[in-house]
Amino acid sequence: MTYNELFTLLITDTTLHLLVVALGIFSILAIKSHNVRSFQFQLSIFIIIWIVGEILHVFGESNFSPYQNLDQLSPIIHTISMISISLVFLLRYIYVKKDEKKFIANIENQD
């Protein structure tokens, strides 16, 4: 085994472990939020979807996967996660505009 192969294996293994830890952390955050309408829950779900796509990508590049076409799902999952975060931001923007709430950036200094 060459140094390049050993280094690639080490990085891939480390990346996979870190992704699994992040998946656990954001799953706990999503469960603790208790409200589907909370921003914490919505952002956690987006990140969970994104991490799953990354895990499939790492499996595909390192040949860990028993299925050869599994790594082709990674771009599809990334697209789904980007669409979901875009919808979260769009719906939150529409909600704020509809209720005519003020953004913090729009509040003037009242000295």
Protein backbone atom coordinates (compact mmCIF):
# COMPACT_ATOMS: atom_id res chain seq x y z
CA MET A 1 0.00 0.00 0.00
CA THR A 2 1.43 3.38 -0.98
CA TYR A 3 1.47 6.48 1.17
CA ASN A 4 -1.14 8.09 -1.06
CA GLU A 5 -3.55 5.17 -0.63
CA LEU A 6 -2.94 5.07 3.12
CA PHE A 7 -3.52 8.84 3.42
CA THR A 8 -6.73 8.61 1.36
CA LEU A 9 -8.00 5.75 3.53
CA LEU A 10 -7.21 7.69 6.72
CA ILE A 11 -8.95 10.85 5.49
CA THR A 12 -11.98 8.90 4.25
CA ASP A 13 -12.27 7.02 7.53
CA THR A 14 -11.96 10.23 9.57
CA THR A 15 -14.51 12.01 7.38
CA LEU A 16 -16.98 9.17 7.77
CA HIS A 17 -16.62 9.17 11.57
CA LEU A 18 -17.07 12.95 11.76
CA LEU A 19 -20.16 12.76 9.53
CA VAL A 20 -21.71 10.10 11.76
CA VAL A 21 -21.03 12.23 14.86
CA ALA A 22 -22.59 15.29 13.15
CA LEU A 23 -25.58 13.18 12.11
CA GLY A 24 -26.08 12.16 15.74
CA ILE A 25 -25.78 15.72 17.03
CA PHE A 26 -28.27 17.18 14.57
CA SER A 27 -30.68 14.28 15.07
CA ILE A 28 -30.68 15.00 18.81
CA LEU A 29 -31.25 18.71 18.12
CA ALA A 30 -34.18 17.91 15.81
CA ILE A 31 -35.73 15.63 18.42
CA LYS A 32 -35.25 18.16 21.24
CA SER A 33 -36.93 20.99 19.34
CA HIS A 34 -40.38 19.29 19.70
CA ASN A 35 -41.91 21.67 17.13
CA VAL A 36 -41.87 21.14 13.38
CA ARG A 37 -42.40 24.88 12.83
CA SER A 38 -39.30 25.89 14.80
CA PHE A 39 -36.31 27.10 12.87
CA GLN A 40 -34.02 24.80 14.87
CA PHE A 41 -36.00 21.73 13.74
CA GLN A 42 -36.14 22.82 10.11
CA LEU A 43 -32.44 23.62 9.97
CA SER A 44 -31.56 20.35 11.70
CA ILE A 45 -33.58 18.35 9.17
CA PHE A 46 -31.86 20.17 6.31
CA ILE A 47 -28.44 19.37 7.77
CA ILE A 48 -29.41 15.73 8.38
CA ILE A 49 -30.41 15.34 4.72
CA TRP A 50 -27.16 17.01 3.68
CA ILE A 51 -25.06 14.72 5.91
CA VAL A 52 -26.77 11.61 4.55
CA GLY A 53 -25.83 12.76 1.04
CA GLU A 54 -22.23 13.27 2.16
CA ILE A 55 -22.10 9.83 3.78
CA LEU A 56 -23.28 8.26 0.53
CA HIS A 57 -20.65 10.28 -1.33
CA VAL A 58 -17.89 9.01 0.98
CA PHE A 59 -19.17 5.44 0.61
CA GLY A 60 -19.11 5.79 -3.16
CA GLU A 61 -15.60 7.23 -3.35
CA SER A 62 -14.06 4.74 -0.95
CA ASN A 63 -15.87 1.66 -2.31
CA PHE A 64 -17.38 0.86 1.13
CA SER A 65 -20.81 0.47 -0.40
CA PRO A 66 -22.12 -2.98 -1.33
CA TYR A 67 -24.14 -1.33 -4.11
CA GLN A 68 -22.20 0.24 -6.97
CA ASN A 69 -24.87 2.80 -7.91
CA LEU A 70 -25.36 4.10 -4.36
CA ASP A 71 -22.94 7.01 -4.88
CA GLN A 72 -25.16 8.27 -7.71
CA LEU A 73 -27.83 9.13 -5.11
CA SER A 74 -25.54 11.68 -3.45
CA PRO A 75 -26.16 14.54 -5.95
CA ILE A 76 -29.90 13.85 -5.82
CA ILE A 77 -29.90 14.05 -2.02
CA HIS A 78 -27.84 17.26 -2.13
CA THR A 79 -30.36 18.77 -4.54
CA ILE A 80 -33.22 17.78 -2.24
CA SER A 81 -31.45 19.38 0.74
CA MET A 82 -30.81 22.62 -1.17
CA ILE A 83 -34.45 22.77 -2.26
CA SER A 84 -35.60 22.15 1.32
CA ILE A 85 -33.47 24.95 2.80
CA SER A 86 -34.59 27.30 0.04
CA LEU A 87 -38.22 26.52 0.86
CA VAL A 88 -37.61 27.06 4.57
CA PHE A 89 -36.08 30.49 3.92
CA LEU A 90 -38.77 31.43 1.38
CA LEU A 91 -41.67 30.41 3.63
CA ARG A 92 -40.15 32.19 6.63
CA TYR A 93 -39.67 35.34 4.52
CA ILE A 94 -43.28 35.20 3.30
CA TYR A 95 -44.50 34.67 6.88
CA VAL A 96 -42.58 37.69 8.15
CA LYS A 97 -43.75 39.91 5.28
CA LYS A 98 -47.36 38.76 5.66
CA ASP A 99 -47.50 39.64 9.34
CA GLU A 100 -45.56 42.87 8.74
CA LYS A 101 -43.06 42.01 11.44
CA LYS A 102 -39.87 44.02 11.56
CA PHE A 103 -36.46 42.55 11.00
CA ILE A 104 -33.88 43.40 13.62
CA ALA A 105 -31.77 45.10 10.95
CA ASN A 106 -34.68 47.47 10.21
CA ILE A 107 -35.12 48.70 13.79
CA GLU A 108 -33.59 52.12 14.19
CA ASN A 109 -31.47 53.10 17.15
CA GLN A 110 -33.70 54.86 19.71
CA ASP A 111 -31.14 56.77 21.81
